[in-house]
Protein backbone atom coordinates (compact mmCIF):
# COMPACT_ATOMS: atom_id res chain seq x y z
CA UNK A 1 20.58 -8.64 -40.19
CA UNK A 2 18.35 -10.64 -37.84
CA UNK A 3 17.43 -9.54 -34.31
CA UNK A 4 19.55 -12.40 -32.98
CA UNK A 5 22.56 -11.15 -34.95
CA UNK A 6 22.03 -7.60 -33.69
CA UNK A 7 21.98 -8.80 -30.08
CA UNK A 8 25.20 -10.76 -30.64
CA UNK A 9 26.84 -7.80 -32.41
CA UNK A 10 25.82 -5.39 -29.64
CA UNK A 11 27.19 -7.74 -26.97
CA UNK A 12 30.48 -8.26 -28.80
CA UNK A 13 30.78 -4.53 -29.54
CA UNK A 14 30.48 -3.91 -25.79
CA UNK A 15 33.19 -6.52 -25.16
CA UNK A 16 30.90 -8.69 -23.05
CA UNK A 17 30.52 -12.43 -22.74
CA UNK A 18 27.07 -13.99 -22.74
CA UNK A 19 27.45 -14.57 -19.00
CA UNK A 20 28.37 -10.92 -18.37
CA UNK A 21 25.45 -9.63 -20.44
CA UNK A 22 23.09 -12.03 -18.70
CA UNK A 23 24.27 -10.86 -15.28
CA UNK A 24 23.90 -7.20 -16.29
CA UNK A 25 20.38 -7.78 -17.63
CA UNK A 26 19.31 -10.12 -14.83
CA UNK A 27 19.00 -13.39 -16.75
CA UNK A 28 21.00 -16.60 -17.06
CA UNK A 29 23.76 -16.95 -19.65
CA UNK A 30 21.63 -19.56 -21.39
CA UNK A 31 18.89 -16.96 -21.99
CA UNK A 32 21.37 -14.71 -23.80
CA UNK A 33 22.54 -17.70 -25.84
CA UNK A 34 18.93 -18.43 -26.70
CA UNK A 35 18.34 -14.81 -27.78
CA UNK A 36 21.38 -15.02 -30.06
CA UNK A 37 20.46 -18.42 -31.50
CA UNK A 38 19.03 -18.52 -35.02
CA UNK A 39 16.02 -20.44 -33.71
CA UNK A 40 15.83 -18.56 -30.41
CA UNK A 41 13.01 -16.48 -29.03
CA UNK A 42 13.08 -12.71 -29.03
CA UNK A 43 13.65 -11.21 -25.55
CA UNK A 44 10.93 -9.23 -23.80
CA UNK A 45 10.85 -5.50 -24.45
CA UNK A 46 12.13 -4.89 -20.90
CA UNK A 47 15.09 -7.22 -21.44
CA UNK A 48 15.77 -5.75 -24.87
CA UNK A 49 15.81 -2.26 -23.34
CA UNK A 50 18.33 -3.42 -20.73
CA UNK A 51 20.49 -5.04 -23.43
CA UNK A 52 20.49 -1.74 -25.34
CA UNK A 53 21.43 0.28 -22.24
CA UNK A 54 24.11 -2.15 -21.08
CA UNK A 55 25.73 -2.49 -24.51
CA UNK A 56 25.40 1.19 -25.42
CA UNK A 57 23.39 0.77 -28.62
CA UNK A 58 20.16 2.41 -29.70
CA UNK A 59 17.03 0.53 -28.72
CA UNK A 60 15.39 1.13 -32.10
CA UNK A 61 18.37 -0.38 -33.92
CA UNK A 62 18.45 -3.38 -31.61
CA UNK A 63 14.70 -4.00 -31.87
CA UNK A 64 14.10 -3.22 -35.56
CA UNK A 65 17.41 -2.77 -37.35
CA UNK A 66 16.52 0.85 -38.23
CA UNK A 67 18.71 3.78 -37.33
CA UNK A 68 22.29 3.77 -36.09
CA UNK A 69 23.74 1.11 -33.85
CA UNK A 70 25.62 3.43 -31.51
CA UNK A 71 24.06 6.13 -29.41
CA UNK A 72 24.72 9.75 -30.18
CA UNK A 73 25.80 11.93 -27.25
CA UNK A 74 22.31 13.51 -27.09
CA UNK A 75 20.57 10.14 -27.14
CA UNK A 76 22.94 8.87 -24.45
CA UNK A 77 21.83 11.63 -22.10
CA UNK A 78 18.17 11.04 -22.98
CA UNK A 79 18.57 7.34 -22.17
CA UNK A 80 19.37 8.01 -18.52
CA UNK A 81 16.28 7.43 -16.42
CA UNK A 82 15.37 10.64 -14.61
CA UNK A 83 15.05 8.79 -11.31
CA UNK A 84 18.60 7.49 -11.67
CA UNK A 85 20.18 10.75 -12.78
CA UNK A 86 22.29 12.51 -10.20
CA UNK A 87 23.12 16.12 -10.86
CA UNK A 88 25.36 16.58 -7.86
CA UNK A 89 28.64 18.49 -8.00
CA UNK A 90 29.48 18.37 -4.29
CA UNK A 91 31.29 15.13 -3.35
CA UNK A 92 29.96 15.29 0.23
CA UNK A 93 26.38 15.66 -1.00
CA UNK A 94 26.91 12.68 -3.27
CA UNK A 95 28.20 10.61 -0.33
CA UNK A 96 25.10 11.56 1.64
CA UNK A 97 22.78 10.54 -1.21
CA UNK A 98 24.59 7.22 -1.69
CA UNK A 99 24.47 6.52 2.06
CA UNK A 100 20.75 7.35 2.15
CA UNK A 101 20.01 5.02 -0.77
CA UNK A 102 22.00 2.22 0.89
CA UNK A 103 20.16 2.65 4.20
CA UNK A 104 17.39 0.14 5.04
CA UNK A 105 13.92 1.61 4.47
CA UNK A 106 12.95 1.65 8.15
CA UNK A 107 16.07 3.68 9.00
CA UNK A 108 15.66 6.38 6.35
CA UNK A 109 13.27 8.66 8.27
CA UNK A 110 15.47 8.75 11.40
CA UNK A 111 18.50 9.40 9.20
CA UNK A 112 16.78 12.42 7.61
CA UNK A 113 15.72 13.68 11.05
CA UNK A 114 19.30 13.48 12.29
CA UNK A 115 20.55 15.43 9.26
CA UNK A 116 17.82 18.06 9.79
CA UNK A 117 18.66 18.42 13.48
CA UNK A 118 22.36 18.76 12.74
CA UNK A 119 21.56 21.47 10.19
CA UNK A 120 19.32 23.22 12.72
CA UNK A 121 22.06 23.14 15.36
CA UNK A 122 24.61 24.45 12.89
CA UNK A 123 22.51 27.28 11.45
CA UNK A 124 20.36 28.11 14.46
CA UNK A 125 17.27 28.10 12.22
CA UNK A 126 14.33 25.77 12.88
CA UNK A 127 13.50 23.13 10.31
CA UNK A 128 11.26 24.43 7.52
CA UNK A 129 8.45 22.20 6.26
CA UNK A 130 9.74 19.24 8.26
CA UNK A 131 7.22 16.54 9.00
CA UNK A 132 6.03 16.64 12.57
CA UNK A 133 7.10 13.45 14.20
CA UNK A 134 9.35 12.09 16.89
CA UNK A 135 12.64 13.92 17.06
CA UNK A 136 15.90 12.11 17.58
CA UNK A 137 17.86 13.47 20.52
CA UNK A 138 21.55 13.95 19.73
């Protein structure tokens, strides 16, 4: 099986159109069509990695044809980038993390200071290891 056929098979196995895969990977639909074409170019390693993650297949299989197409449960967990992994059980903590990530960069420090001050007011304990800087008055 050619690399182009493996990309097409992975996309179809994931139930995605060329346009959907392109959007998920960050390229135009025509690029995906080109990757799947018999005469097409091979995608960059970064794009191939994204195709593997988005379609749920093993990178090695997609790139070389070796190994199994589908990810095992262990490999699936290993494929999650550590920076993107969230090991949060508390729904409120998760909301706070999502809100922080969605906050514009220049507003993140004041947001953290507000949370620290609220915690200090609630517990009566001063902030530990907090950066010395301007404090927001509540």
